[in-house]
Protein backbone atom coordinates (compact mmCIF):
# COMPACT_ATOMS: atom_id res chain seq x y z
CA MET A 1 -37.89 -165.45 -77.05
CA PRO A 2 -39.47 -162.60 -75.22
CA PRO A 3 -42.93 -161.83 -76.78
CA SER A 4 -42.38 -158.17 -77.85
CA ASP A 5 -39.95 -157.35 -80.71
CA PRO A 6 -37.53 -154.82 -79.34
CA PHE A 7 -36.18 -157.77 -77.43
CA ASP A 8 -35.69 -160.06 -80.13
CA ASP A 9 -31.52 -160.70 -80.80
CA HIS A 10 -29.36 -162.27 -78.09
CA ALA A 11 -28.67 -158.48 -76.18
CA GLY A 12 -31.80 -157.73 -76.18
CA HIS A 13 -33.16 -160.91 -74.27
CA LEU A 14 -30.51 -160.34 -71.80
CA LEU A 15 -32.04 -157.71 -71.26
CA TYR A 16 -35.81 -158.76 -71.07
CA TRP A 17 -34.68 -161.34 -68.78
CA CYS A 18 -32.71 -159.23 -66.43
CA ALA A 19 -36.25 -156.48 -66.58
CA ARG A 20 -38.65 -159.25 -65.32
CA LEU A 21 -36.06 -159.56 -62.84
CA VAL A 22 -35.66 -156.02 -61.87
CA ARG A 23 -39.34 -155.63 -61.94
CA SER A 24 -40.07 -158.43 -59.09
CA PHE A 25 -36.90 -156.01 -57.00
CA ALA A 26 -39.34 -153.28 -57.26
CA GLU A 27 -42.51 -154.67 -56.43
CA ALA A 28 -41.42 -156.13 -52.95
CA GLY A 29 -40.25 -153.08 -52.03
CA VAL A 30 -36.91 -152.32 -52.94
CA ASN A 31 -36.09 -148.98 -54.45
CA ARG A 32 -32.74 -148.03 -54.28
CA ALA A 33 -29.12 -149.46 -55.95
CA PHE A 34 -25.90 -149.28 -56.21
CA ILE A 35 -23.69 -149.93 -59.54
CA SER A 36 -20.13 -149.80 -60.19
CA PRO A 37 -19.47 -149.52 -63.66
CA GLY A 38 -18.77 -152.43 -65.72
CA SER A 39 -18.85 -154.62 -69.24
CA ARG A 40 -20.11 -158.03 -68.29
CA SER A 41 -22.82 -156.15 -65.87
CA THR A 42 -24.60 -153.84 -68.34
CA PRO A 43 -28.23 -156.01 -68.84
CA LEU A 44 -28.58 -155.40 -65.23
CA THR A 45 -27.07 -151.82 -64.60
CA PHE A 46 -29.57 -150.90 -67.85
CA ALA A 47 -32.61 -152.72 -66.24
CA VAL A 48 -31.83 -150.88 -63.37
CA ALA A 49 -31.80 -147.38 -64.64
CA GLY A 50 -34.40 -147.63 -66.87
CA CYS A 51 -37.06 -149.29 -63.75
CA PRO A 52 -38.53 -145.39 -62.55
CA ASN A 53 -39.23 -147.38 -59.37
CA ILE A 54 -35.86 -147.51 -58.06
CA THR A 55 -33.08 -144.66 -57.60
CA SER A 56 -29.40 -145.56 -59.18
CA LYS A 57 -26.46 -143.85 -58.14
CA ILE A 58 -22.46 -144.32 -59.80
CA VAL A 59 -20.44 -145.65 -57.51
CA LEU A 60 -16.78 -146.22 -58.51
CA ASP A 61 -15.29 -147.70 -55.83
CA GLU A 62 -17.48 -151.29 -55.00
CA ARG A 63 -15.67 -151.00 -51.65
CA SER A 64 -17.37 -147.73 -50.88
CA ALA A 65 -20.37 -148.89 -52.82
CA GLY A 66 -20.65 -151.88 -50.52
CA PHE A 67 -20.65 -149.77 -47.41
CA GLN A 68 -23.30 -146.39 -48.95
CA ALA A 69 -25.72 -149.41 -50.05
CA LEU A 70 -25.14 -150.70 -46.60
CA GLY A 71 -25.87 -147.23 -44.74
CA ALA A 72 -28.84 -146.78 -46.94
CA ALA A 73 -30.84 -149.99 -45.86
CA LYS A 74 -29.98 -149.14 -41.80
CA ALA A 75 -31.55 -146.62 -42.64
CA SER A 76 -34.21 -147.71 -44.45
CA GLY A 77 -34.93 -150.90 -43.56
CA VAL A 78 -35.51 -152.45 -47.27
CA PRO A 79 -32.46 -153.99 -49.01
CA ALA A 80 -30.58 -152.35 -52.13
CA LEU A 81 -28.80 -153.66 -54.49
CA LEU A 82 -25.33 -154.03 -55.54
CA ILE A 83 -24.47 -154.71 -58.49
CA CYS A 84 -21.23 -155.30 -60.11
CA THR A 85 -18.83 -156.48 -63.52
CA SER A 86 -17.07 -159.59 -63.34
CA GLY A 87 -13.76 -160.54 -61.72
CA THR A 88 -12.48 -158.80 -57.80
CA ALA A 89 -15.54 -156.04 -58.41
CA ALA A 90 -17.53 -157.90 -56.66
CA ALA A 91 -14.66 -158.93 -53.63
CA ASN A 92 -14.54 -155.30 -53.01
CA TYR A 93 -18.22 -155.78 -51.63
CA TYR A 94 -17.16 -158.26 -48.71
CA PRO A 95 -16.19 -156.25 -45.68
CA ALA A 96 -20.55 -154.65 -46.91
CA VAL A 97 -21.51 -157.88 -46.91
CA ILE A 98 -19.73 -158.77 -43.64
CA GLU A 99 -20.97 -156.11 -41.56
CA ALA A 100 -24.82 -156.73 -42.77
CA ARG A 101 -24.79 -160.14 -41.56
CA GLN A 102 -23.45 -159.25 -38.32
CA SER A 103 -25.43 -156.25 -38.20
CA GLY A 104 -28.74 -157.80 -39.70
CA THR A 105 -29.30 -155.15 -42.31
CA PRO A 106 -30.62 -156.28 -45.42
CA LEU A 107 -28.78 -156.33 -48.65
CA ILE A 108 -28.83 -157.39 -52.07
CA VAL A 109 -25.34 -158.08 -54.07
CA CYS A 110 -25.71 -158.67 -57.90
CA SER A 111 -22.81 -159.57 -59.20
CA ALA A 112 -22.30 -160.33 -63.10
CA ASP A 113 -20.25 -162.91 -64.38
CA ARG A 114 -18.42 -164.91 -67.25
CA THR A 115 -19.55 -167.63 -68.55
CA PRO A 116 -19.15 -171.56 -66.96
CA LEU A 117 -17.42 -171.72 -70.30
CA GLU A 118 -14.87 -169.32 -69.87
CA ARG A 119 -14.11 -170.24 -66.05
CA ASN A 120 -11.37 -172.52 -64.85
CA THR A 121 -9.61 -171.33 -68.21
CA GLY A 122 -7.12 -168.21 -67.20
CA ALA A 123 -10.02 -166.05 -69.28
CA ASN A 124 -9.67 -162.24 -68.41
CA GLN A 125 -11.26 -160.70 -65.60
CA THR A 126 -12.65 -164.36 -64.26
CA ILE A 127 -12.50 -165.71 -60.97
CA ASN A 128 -14.85 -168.55 -59.04
CA GLN A 129 -17.08 -166.47 -57.62
CA LEU A 130 -19.48 -169.25 -56.56
CA ASN A 131 -20.05 -169.14 -52.92
CA LEU A 132 -17.44 -165.91 -52.85
CA TYR A 133 -18.82 -164.91 -49.94
CA GLY A 134 -18.45 -168.23 -47.91
CA THR A 135 -20.89 -168.56 -44.62
CA TYR A 136 -22.10 -164.70 -44.62
CA PRO A 137 -24.95 -164.66 -47.09
CA VAL A 138 -28.13 -165.30 -45.76
CA PHE A 139 -29.25 -166.87 -49.59
CA PHE A 140 -27.09 -167.34 -52.76
CA HIS A 141 -28.14 -168.30 -56.11
CA ASP A 142 -25.83 -169.10 -59.16
CA ALA A 143 -28.52 -168.35 -61.37
CA GLY A 144 -26.97 -169.85 -64.52
CA GLU A 145 -27.10 -168.41 -68.58
CA PRO A 146 -30.14 -166.78 -69.23
CA GLY A 147 -32.92 -169.03 -70.73
CA ASP A 148 -35.41 -167.71 -73.26
CA GLN A 149 -38.43 -169.88 -72.18
CA LYS A 150 -41.36 -168.67 -69.84
CA THR A 151 -40.48 -170.77 -67.68
CA ASP A 152 -36.57 -168.91 -67.21
CA TYR A 153 -38.46 -165.57 -66.75
CA ASP A 154 -41.02 -166.96 -63.89
CA ARG A 155 -37.93 -168.14 -62.19
CA ALA A 156 -36.10 -165.00 -62.61
CA GLU A 157 -38.99 -163.33 -60.94
CA MET A 158 -39.16 -165.99 -58.27
CA LEU A 159 -35.11 -165.56 -57.50
CA ALA A 160 -35.96 -161.59 -56.72
CA GLN A 161 -38.63 -162.64 -54.25
CA GLN A 162 -36.84 -165.10 -52.63
CA ALA A 163 -33.35 -162.67 -52.48
CA VAL A 164 -35.95 -159.87 -50.72
CA GLN A 165 -37.50 -162.29 -48.52
CA GLN A 166 -34.61 -163.86 -47.29
CA SER A 167 -32.96 -160.98 -46.80
CA LEU A 168 -35.26 -159.58 -44.42
CA GLU A 169 -36.57 -162.83 -43.19
CA GLN A 170 -33.07 -163.30 -41.42
CA GLY A 171 -31.45 -160.01 -41.12
CA GLY A 172 -28.53 -160.29 -44.10
CA PRO A 173 -26.77 -160.31 -47.15
CA ALA A 174 -27.95 -162.57 -50.23
CA HIS A 175 -25.92 -162.99 -53.01
CA LEU A 176 -26.85 -163.66 -56.70
CA ASN A 177 -24.49 -164.30 -59.37
CA PHE A 178 -25.58 -164.24 -63.06
CA PRO A 179 -23.69 -165.72 -65.91
CA PHE A 180 -23.80 -163.45 -69.21
CA ARG A 181 -22.20 -164.45 -72.40
CA LYS A 182 -21.25 -162.01 -75.24
CA PRO A 183 -22.87 -159.67 -77.41
CA LEU A 184 -24.20 -157.41 -73.81
CA GLU A 185 -25.15 -154.18 -75.56
CA PRO A 186 -28.63 -153.94 -76.41
CA THR A 187 -30.06 -151.91 -79.49
CA ALA A 188 -31.36 -148.10 -78.12
CA ARG A 189 -34.97 -149.85 -79.63
CA ALA A 190 -34.20 -151.96 -76.86
CA LEU A 191 -33.87 -149.93 -73.81
CA ASP A 192 -37.22 -148.51 -75.13
CA GLY A 193 -38.84 -151.49 -75.09
CA LEU A 194 -38.54 -151.36 -70.94
CA LYS A 195 -40.99 -148.52 -70.46
CA ASP A 196 -43.86 -150.64 -71.65
CA LEU A 197 -42.45 -153.89 -69.29
CA TYR A 198 -42.32 -151.32 -66.20
CA LYS A 199 -45.66 -149.63 -66.79
CA ASN A 200 -47.83 -149.82 -63.38
CA ILE A 201 -45.61 -151.85 -61.23
CA ARG A 202 -47.49 -151.64 -57.81
CA PRO A 203 -44.63 -152.06 -54.60
CA LEU A 204 -45.98 -154.43 -52.01
CA SER A 205 -44.96 -153.10 -48.54
CA ALA A 206 -41.10 -153.26 -48.63
CA GLY A 207 -41.26 -156.26 -47.32
CA PHE A 208 -42.39 -159.91 -46.02
CA LYS A 209 -41.93 -159.30 -42.06
CA THR A 210 -44.58 -159.87 -39.97
CA ALA A 211 -46.36 -156.41 -39.70
CA GLY A 212 -48.21 -157.79 -36.37
CA LYS A 213 -46.79 -157.87 -32.83
CA THR A 214 -46.10 -161.17 -30.89
CA GLN A 215 -47.94 -162.63 -27.98
CA LEU A 216 -45.39 -162.98 -25.52
CA PRO A 217 -44.54 -166.14 -24.36
CA GLU A 218 -46.72 -167.63 -21.06
CA TRP A 219 -43.34 -168.90 -19.42
CA LEU A 220 -41.73 -165.16 -19.96
CA THR A 221 -44.62 -163.33 -19.02
CA GLY A 222 -44.36 -165.35 -15.73
CA MET A 223 -40.92 -164.16 -15.19
CA ILE A 224 -41.51 -160.70 -15.77
CA ARG A 225 -44.67 -160.41 -13.64
CA GLU A 226 -42.22 -162.65 -10.75
CA ALA A 227 -39.57 -160.17 -10.79
CA ARG A 228 -39.62 -157.00 -8.68
CA ASN A 229 -36.84 -155.76 -10.10
CA ALA A 230 -36.29 -156.65 -14.28
CA VAL A 231 -34.21 -154.05 -16.03
CA ALA A 232 -33.90 -153.65 -20.09
CA LEU A 233 -30.49 -154.04 -21.17
CA CYS A 234 -30.31 -152.69 -25.03
CA GLY A 235 -27.30 -152.91 -27.55
CA PRO A 236 -26.94 -151.63 -30.60
CA ILE A 237 -30.03 -151.83 -32.65
CA ALA A 238 -30.92 -150.22 -35.96
CA PRO A 239 -33.20 -147.69 -36.12
CA THR A 240 -36.13 -149.56 -38.03
CA ASP A 241 -35.53 -152.98 -36.04
CA PRO A 242 -38.83 -154.08 -35.20
CA MET A 243 -37.37 -154.55 -31.90
CA ALA A 244 -36.68 -150.77 -31.36
CA ASP A 245 -40.03 -150.05 -31.12
CA SER A 246 -41.18 -152.67 -28.37
CA VAL A 247 -37.88 -151.49 -26.38
CA SER A 248 -40.10 -148.40 -26.59
CA ARG A 249 -43.42 -150.09 -26.08
CA LEU A 250 -41.83 -152.18 -23.13
CA ALA A 251 -40.78 -148.88 -20.73
CA ASP A 252 -43.69 -147.13 -21.53
CA HIS A 253 -46.58 -149.81 -20.45
CA THR A 254 -44.28 -151.51 -18.42
CA GLY A 255 -42.17 -149.13 -16.45
CA ILE A 256 -38.94 -151.73 -16.32
CA PRO A 257 -36.01 -148.87 -16.67
CA VAL A 258 -33.71 -149.30 -20.24
CA TRP A 259 -30.08 -149.36 -19.98
CA VAL A 260 -29.02 -147.78 -23.28
CA GLU A 261 -25.87 -146.99 -25.08
CA SER A 262 -25.04 -144.58 -28.01
CA THR A 263 -25.71 -146.57 -30.10
CA SER A 264 -29.84 -147.16 -29.53
CA LEU A 265 -30.58 -144.01 -27.82
CA HIS A 266 -33.64 -143.73 -30.11
CA ALA A 267 -34.83 -147.27 -28.10
CA GLY A 268 -36.64 -146.95 -25.07
CA ALA A 269 -37.82 -143.67 -25.02
CA GLY A 270 -40.10 -143.78 -21.69
CA THR A 271 -37.61 -145.13 -19.01
CA ARG A 272 -34.85 -144.67 -20.51
CA PHE A 273 -31.62 -144.36 -18.78
CA PRO A 274 -28.11 -143.86 -21.13
CA ALA A 275 -24.14 -144.38 -19.89
CA ALA A 276 -25.02 -147.39 -17.83
CA SER A 277 -22.01 -148.42 -18.29
CA GLN A 278 -19.78 -145.78 -16.75
CA TRP A 279 -22.72 -146.26 -13.30
CA VAL A 280 -23.78 -150.00 -13.21
CA ASP A 281 -21.01 -151.07 -10.91
CA ASP A 282 -21.93 -148.47 -8.28
CA LEU A 283 -25.76 -150.16 -8.04
CA PRO A 284 -26.91 -150.62 -4.38
CA LEU A 285 -28.43 -153.31 -5.63
CA GLN A 286 -28.68 -156.13 -8.57
CA PRO A 287 -31.62 -156.54 -11.13
CA ASP A 288 -33.93 -160.27 -10.78
CA LEU A 289 -34.01 -160.40 -14.30
CA ILE A 290 -32.26 -158.73 -17.50
CA LEU A 291 -34.16 -158.72 -20.70
CA ARG A 292 -31.89 -157.83 -23.43
CA PHE A 293 -32.23 -156.37 -26.98
CA GLY A 294 -30.58 -155.81 -29.78
CA GLY A 295 -26.43 -157.11 -30.33
CA LEU A 296 -23.72 -156.86 -27.58
CA PRO A 297 -22.95 -154.09 -25.36
CA THR A 298 -20.26 -151.93 -26.86
CA SER A 299 -18.46 -151.24 -23.27
CA ARG A 300 -16.28 -153.68 -22.25
CA SER A 301 -17.34 -152.88 -18.48
CA MET A 302 -20.65 -153.53 -19.28
CA LEU A 303 -19.71 -157.01 -20.14
CA ASN A 304 -17.54 -157.44 -17.40
CA TRP A 305 -20.83 -156.82 -15.82
CA LEU A 306 -22.91 -159.88 -17.47
CA GLN A 307 -20.44 -161.71 -16.88
CA GLU A 308 -20.20 -161.09 -12.78
CA THR A 309 -24.33 -160.91 -13.14
CA LYS A 310 -24.35 -164.37 -15.33
CA ASP A 311 -26.23 -166.18 -12.02
CA ILE A 312 -29.23 -163.32 -13.23
CA PRO A 313 -31.67 -165.01 -15.79
CA GLN A 314 -31.42 -163.44 -18.88
CA VAL A 315 -33.89 -163.31 -21.82
CA VAL A 316 -31.95 -162.30 -25.41
CA LEU A 317 -35.40 -160.87 -27.26
CA ARG A 318 -34.40 -160.36 -31.47
CA SER A 319 -36.10 -159.83 -34.57
CA GLY A 320 -33.77 -161.71 -36.74
CA SER A 321 -31.46 -164.86 -36.29
CA ARG A 322 -27.98 -162.78 -35.47
CA PRO A 323 -25.96 -163.76 -32.37
CA SER A 324 -25.85 -162.11 -29.01
CA GLU A 325 -23.78 -164.87 -26.89
CA ILE A 326 -21.30 -164.41 -24.36
CA PRO A 327 -19.81 -167.57 -23.12
CA GLY A 328 -21.22 -168.73 -19.91
CA ILE A 329 -24.26 -167.40 -19.14
CA ASN A 330 -27.11 -169.26 -19.26
CA ARG A 331 -29.66 -167.03 -21.10
CA LEU A 332 -33.16 -168.19 -23.09
CA TYR A 333 -34.22 -166.17 -26.43
CA VAL A 334 -37.63 -165.36 -27.85
CA GLN A 335 -37.77 -164.40 -32.09
CA ALA A 336 -40.14 -161.91 -33.18
CA ALA A 337 -39.64 -160.51 -36.62
CA GLY A 338 -42.77 -158.10 -35.85
CA GLY A 339 -42.41 -157.24 -32.70
CA LEU A 340 -43.14 -157.70 -29.27
CA ASP A 341 -46.86 -157.04 -27.42
CA TRP A 342 -46.18 -156.09 -24.11
CA ASP A 343 -49.68 -156.09 -23.23
CA SER A 344 -50.37 -159.09 -20.41
CA VAL A 345 -47.48 -157.52 -18.74
CA PRO A 346 -47.93 -155.75 -15.39
CA SER A 347 -46.21 -152.16 -14.35
CA GLN A 348 -43.42 -152.06 -12.78
CA ALA A 349 -43.24 -148.13 -12.54
CA GLY A 350 -41.69 -147.32 -8.40
CA SER A 351 -39.46 -150.64 -8.73
CA GLU A 352 -36.37 -150.33 -6.08
CA ILE A 353 -34.71 -150.69 -9.37
CA LEU A 354 -35.76 -148.10 -11.43
CA LYS A 355 -34.85 -145.55 -8.45
CA ALA A 356 -31.24 -147.01 -7.87
CA SER A 357 -31.15 -146.42 -11.55
CA GLU A 358 -32.40 -142.79 -11.24
CA GLN A 359 -30.28 -141.85 -8.29
CA GLY A 360 -26.86 -143.52 -10.29
CA LEU A 361 -27.45 -141.74 -13.35
CA ALA A 362 -28.53 -138.43 -11.79
CA GLU A 363 -25.10 -138.96 -9.91
CA TYR A 364 -23.03 -139.31 -13.09
CA ARG A 365 -24.32 -136.98 -14.88
CA SER A 366 -23.57 -134.69 -12.38
CA ARG A 367 -20.27 -136.21 -12.41
CA TRP A 368 -20.02 -135.20 -15.70
CA LYS A 369 -20.89 -132.06 -16.11
CA GLN A 370 -18.46 -131.45 -13.40
CA LEU A 371 -15.70 -133.07 -15.43
CA LEU A 372 -16.09 -131.39 -18.84
CA SER A 373 -16.96 -127.79 -17.33
CA GLU A 374 -13.33 -128.32 -15.47
CA THR A 375 -11.20 -129.25 -18.01
CA ASP A 376 -10.54 -125.37 -19.85
CA GLU A 377 -8.52 -127.78 -23.18
CA PHE A 378 -10.71 -129.01 -26.36
CA THR A 379 -10.99 -132.75 -25.75
CA ASP A 380 -12.80 -135.73 -27.76
CA LEU A 381 -14.91 -135.89 -24.58
CA HIS A 382 -16.17 -132.48 -25.27
CA VAL A 383 -17.08 -132.56 -29.09
CA ALA A 384 -18.67 -136.45 -28.37
CA ASP A 385 -20.91 -134.64 -25.65
CA ALA A 386 -21.86 -131.56 -28.08
CA VAL A 387 -22.21 -133.78 -31.06
CA LEU A 388 -25.31 -136.52 -28.43
CA HIS A 389 -26.77 -132.73 -27.66
CA GLN A 390 -27.14 -130.68 -29.83
CA THR A 391 -28.37 -132.42 -32.96
CA ASP A 392 -31.75 -133.37 -33.52
CA SER A 393 -31.14 -135.25 -36.42
CA VAL A 394 -29.60 -138.37 -37.39
CA VAL A 395 -26.56 -139.56 -36.08
CA MET A 396 -23.76 -142.13 -37.51
CA LEU A 397 -21.91 -143.00 -34.78
CA SER A 398 -18.05 -144.01 -35.86
CA ASN A 399 -16.40 -146.85 -34.63
CA SER A 400 -12.82 -147.17 -32.05
CA LEU A 401 -13.19 -144.42 -30.00
CA ILE A 402 -15.98 -142.65 -30.97
CA VAL A 403 -18.67 -144.91 -30.13
CA ARG A 404 -16.42 -144.96 -26.69
CA ASP A 405 -16.78 -141.78 -25.84
CA THR A 406 -20.58 -141.29 -26.99
CA ASP A 407 -21.12 -144.05 -24.68
CA ARG A 408 -20.35 -142.01 -22.01
CA VAL A 409 -22.32 -138.85 -22.62
CA PRO A 410 -25.89 -139.00 -19.91
CA LEU A 411 -28.51 -137.48 -22.79
CA GLN A 412 -31.40 -136.21 -21.38
CA LYS A 413 -33.00 -135.82 -25.19
CA GLY A 414 -30.93 -137.32 -28.17
CA PRO A 415 -30.70 -138.04 -31.81
CA ALA A 416 -33.99 -139.04 -33.33
CA LYS A 417 -32.27 -142.12 -34.67
CA ILE A 418 -28.87 -143.30 -34.02
CA ILE A 419 -27.17 -145.79 -37.20
CA SER A 420 -23.42 -147.18 -36.51
CA ASN A 421 -21.46 -150.42 -38.18
CA ARG A 422 -21.26 -152.37 -34.83
CA GLY A 423 -22.05 -155.96 -36.59
CA ALA A 424 -17.98 -155.97 -37.11
CA SER A 425 -17.09 -152.88 -36.17
CA GLY A 426 -14.70 -152.25 -38.58
CA ILE A 427 -13.77 -148.46 -39.66
CA ASP A 428 -13.61 -149.37 -43.26
CA GLY A 429 -16.42 -147.41 -44.99
CA ILE A 430 -17.47 -145.78 -41.89
CA THR A 431 -17.85 -142.53 -45.01
CA SER A 432 -19.48 -143.76 -47.11
CA THR A 433 -22.73 -145.44 -44.80
CA ALA A 434 -22.75 -142.34 -43.92
CA LEU A 435 -23.70 -141.25 -47.54
CA GLY A 436 -25.90 -144.05 -47.63
CA VAL A 437 -27.47 -142.68 -44.71
CA ALA A 438 -27.63 -139.75 -46.16
CA GLU A 439 -29.45 -141.06 -49.05
CA CYS A 440 -32.33 -141.47 -47.64
CA GLU A 441 -32.66 -138.46 -44.67
CA ASP A 442 -33.27 -134.73 -44.56
CA GLN A 443 -30.21 -134.52 -42.48
CA THR A 444 -27.48 -136.77 -41.23
CA THR A 445 -24.63 -136.07 -38.95
CA LEU A 446 -21.36 -138.17 -39.24
CA LEU A 447 -19.12 -138.70 -35.64
CA THR A 448 -15.93 -139.82 -37.21
CA GLY A 449 -11.95 -140.19 -36.22
CA ASP A 450 -9.51 -139.01 -38.83
CA LEU A 451 -7.96 -142.49 -39.29
CA ALA A 452 -11.55 -143.61 -40.33
CA PHE A 453 -11.71 -140.57 -42.15
CA LEU A 454 -8.40 -141.41 -44.18
CA HIS A 455 -9.64 -144.53 -44.47
CA ASP A 456 -13.25 -144.41 -46.66
CA LEU A 457 -11.51 -141.42 -48.82
CA THR A 458 -12.91 -143.02 -52.01
CA ALA A 459 -16.71 -142.45 -50.50
CA LEU A 460 -16.18 -138.72 -51.09
CA ASN A 461 -15.37 -138.70 -54.60
CA SER A 462 -18.90 -140.62 -55.18
CA ALA A 463 -20.79 -138.32 -53.38
CA ASP A 464 -23.81 -136.29 -54.40
CA ARG A 465 -22.31 -133.17 -53.12
CA GLN A 466 -25.87 -130.67 -53.23
CA LYS A 467 -28.22 -133.86 -53.56
CA VAL A 468 -27.55 -134.71 -50.23
CA ASN A 469 -27.31 -133.05 -46.69
CA LEU A 470 -23.96 -134.50 -44.50
CA HIS A 471 -22.29 -133.20 -41.82
CA ILE A 472 -19.28 -134.62 -41.44
CA ILE A 473 -17.75 -134.55 -37.79
CA ILE A 474 -14.02 -135.63 -37.69
CA ILE A 475 -12.34 -135.62 -34.12
CA ASN A 476 -8.41 -134.82 -35.88
CA ASN A 477 -6.49 -136.15 -32.58
CA GLY A 478 -3.33 -137.15 -34.39
CA GLY A 479 -4.17 -140.85 -34.54
CA GLY A 480 -5.58 -144.29 -32.77
CA ARG A 481 -5.65 -142.87 -29.59
CA ILE A 482 -7.15 -145.82 -28.05
CA PHE A 483 -4.97 -148.25 -28.79
CA ARG A 484 -3.45 -146.18 -25.48
CA MET A 485 -6.11 -148.47 -24.09
CA LEU A 486 -4.02 -151.33 -24.03
CA PRO A 487 -1.53 -152.10 -21.31
CA PHE A 488 1.62 -151.87 -22.69
CA ASP A 489 4.64 -150.52 -20.13
CA GLN A 490 5.32 -147.68 -22.25
CA TYR A 491 4.21 -145.77 -24.98
CA ASP A 492 7.13 -144.83 -27.06
CA GLU A 493 8.03 -143.85 -30.81
CA GLN A 494 7.58 -147.52 -31.69
CA PHE A 495 4.18 -147.52 -30.49
CA ARG A 496 3.15 -144.43 -32.35
CA GLN A 497 4.23 -146.04 -35.25
CA LEU A 498 2.84 -149.73 -35.05
CA PHE A 499 0.27 -149.19 -33.33
CA GLU A 500 -1.46 -145.42 -33.42
CA THR A 501 -0.38 -144.35 -37.01
CA PRO A 502 0.64 -141.04 -36.72
CA GLN A 503 -0.85 -139.39 -39.60
CA THR A 504 -0.32 -135.49 -40.39
CA THR A 505 -2.58 -134.99 -43.61
CA GLN A 506 -3.86 -131.78 -44.31
CA ILE A 507 -7.35 -132.26 -44.58
CA SER A 508 -8.46 -129.12 -45.72
CA ALA A 509 -6.57 -129.51 -49.23
CA LEU A 510 -8.33 -132.99 -48.72
CA CYS A 511 -11.69 -131.26 -49.02
CA HIS A 512 -10.76 -128.35 -51.26
CA ALA A 513 -9.49 -131.13 -54.18
CA PHE A 514 -13.01 -133.00 -53.44
CA GLY A 515 -14.57 -129.40 -53.69
CA ILE A 516 -16.21 -129.35 -49.63
CA PRO A 517 -16.95 -127.09 -47.77
CA HIS A 518 -14.32 -127.22 -44.65
CA TYR A 519 -14.48 -125.78 -41.40
CA PRO A 520 -11.20 -125.92 -38.67
CA VAL A 521 -12.82 -126.06 -35.14
CA HIS A 522 -10.30 -125.72 -32.23
CA ARG A 523 -12.70 -124.83 -29.32
CA ARG A 524 -15.73 -125.20 -27.67
CA ASP A 525 -17.62 -121.89 -28.61
CA GLU A 526 -16.46 -122.83 -32.30
CA LEU A 527 -18.30 -126.40 -32.06
CA ASN A 528 -21.53 -124.99 -30.39
CA ASP A 529 -21.46 -121.77 -33.04
CA ARG A 530 -20.79 -124.70 -35.94
CA LEU A 531 -23.40 -127.03 -34.50
CA ASN A 532 -26.28 -123.97 -33.59
CA SER A 533 -25.97 -122.53 -37.05
CA GLN A 534 -29.09 -122.79 -39.14
CA PRO A 535 -28.76 -126.52 -41.30
CA GLU A 536 -27.34 -126.25 -44.34
CA THR A 537 -27.37 -128.09 -47.84
CA GLY A 538 -24.73 -130.62 -49.15
CA ILE A 539 -21.99 -132.21 -47.77
CA ARG A 540 -19.57 -130.50 -45.51
CA VAL A 541 -16.83 -131.52 -42.97
CA THR A 542 -16.24 -129.51 -39.42
CA GLU A 543 -12.86 -130.86 -38.19
CA CYS A 544 -11.99 -130.85 -34.45
CA ILE A 545 -8.64 -130.29 -33.68
CA THR A 546 -8.43 -132.48 -30.14
CA ASP A 547 -6.33 -132.23 -27.25
CA GLY A 548 -5.42 -135.79 -27.12
CA LEU A 549 -3.26 -136.34 -24.31
CA LYS A 550 -6.53 -134.47 -22.32
CA SER A 551 -8.78 -136.61 -23.75
CA ASP A 552 -6.56 -139.87 -22.52
CA GLU A 553 -7.00 -138.07 -18.72
CA LEU A 554 -10.70 -137.63 -18.79
CA ARG A 555 -10.90 -141.12 -19.71
CA LYS A 556 -9.38 -141.85 -17.32
CA SER A 557 -10.92 -139.72 -15.15
């Protein structure tokens, strides 16, 4: 049994064992937990809630909780804890677990479970939770029922360290499963005893990643030195990814042009060229070396361009183990947990590909400005342009057409950070992810679509309306306009019902029900006023009612 009297019964012992686990999490730098209420997770819940180094948030809907933890981890780079009871509760974390693995985001799921004695007996709220998430976790461990020996407590602390280390080093979710035997409810005396256990916690730097920069391998240095027209292409990349900083240092040190999309606007602040997918096909020459960072590009045109230029050497540089593949292309890989050192690479300032990129972007920027100014209607593209140009805080981009429209915007100076769920690219959990981001940032703006907003309504139920500053901007064009990009012969009523999923929901009424301010916008000047007003506190919604048909026309221009 634990060496302290307050924990001398079974429930107290469970609490003490969980507290040793939680203390180790805190010492490893974990500082946020998202808890879904339930009975079987009682020891874990009390242990986390009593730890002064970890901020806890209660979220009723497990799916929303999963994405809120994901958002916090994406914004901070530190694994967030997810805690739930037994049964289907943990299954609701699955979409967030998938996104975490696909995007290389650290996350730690702590699922309570029934004891092995109760499994396969038809016991209430009991399912098979072993390897529940298949191959998606980078680390899984079923802890078994907590023992009461020193070696048991040491193993609990080691388990926390393993989960954090693997989640960070491999870039993805860890899943820990905890079978607990009743009774579970500790006494008030035991809860008070946590104070002594949690005294003098000294968090290490949040993570086990290599702090320094990795020296470039000689073969890569030689390739860059021999190249005359090298480019860097950056797909979706988290602001906290060490490679995002490496892209910026590459641009500053070498002058190699960095082609970015909207999901990587925070990378390559030096010679950075946005909206490359819109003008790359018009370049008068091709690069002789492609350095790729982040995930695969969002736009189909850029993916096609990579296929067409498959004979050009490509080097994929990454900090984690997530794939970034295009079939049929020969590529080399460099993996560096702490980023890369470019000191050995000579400057390529003034290269022909740099000049061509400058000209290509300038010409496209002129066409884009003319296209928007000559269109009287209020379109999705006007909203995307205004939000990116007039928001200097953190921006969360939804999937579907949102991320594709923002990828068209030729920004000169963009938001401080761009966050997106481009790992699995779903529209589930978008608002929840933004809430998690807002937990870590002073001001956050979410640009989302009407269907994505409606898909994640339970996020608003758990929103700390006055504790986070989140501006939700909804593009309401009446449904899923992205399906208009599919090559159907006609977009008739059957198409609309089966694919576009038209909706007539009164978003204003929903916001009122959740106690959230709602502002309808029908014109560009109204949106500009909203974006240029003094920063507000709390959560608020700006609904942009746009012309869907005209938006479709502009996308084809």
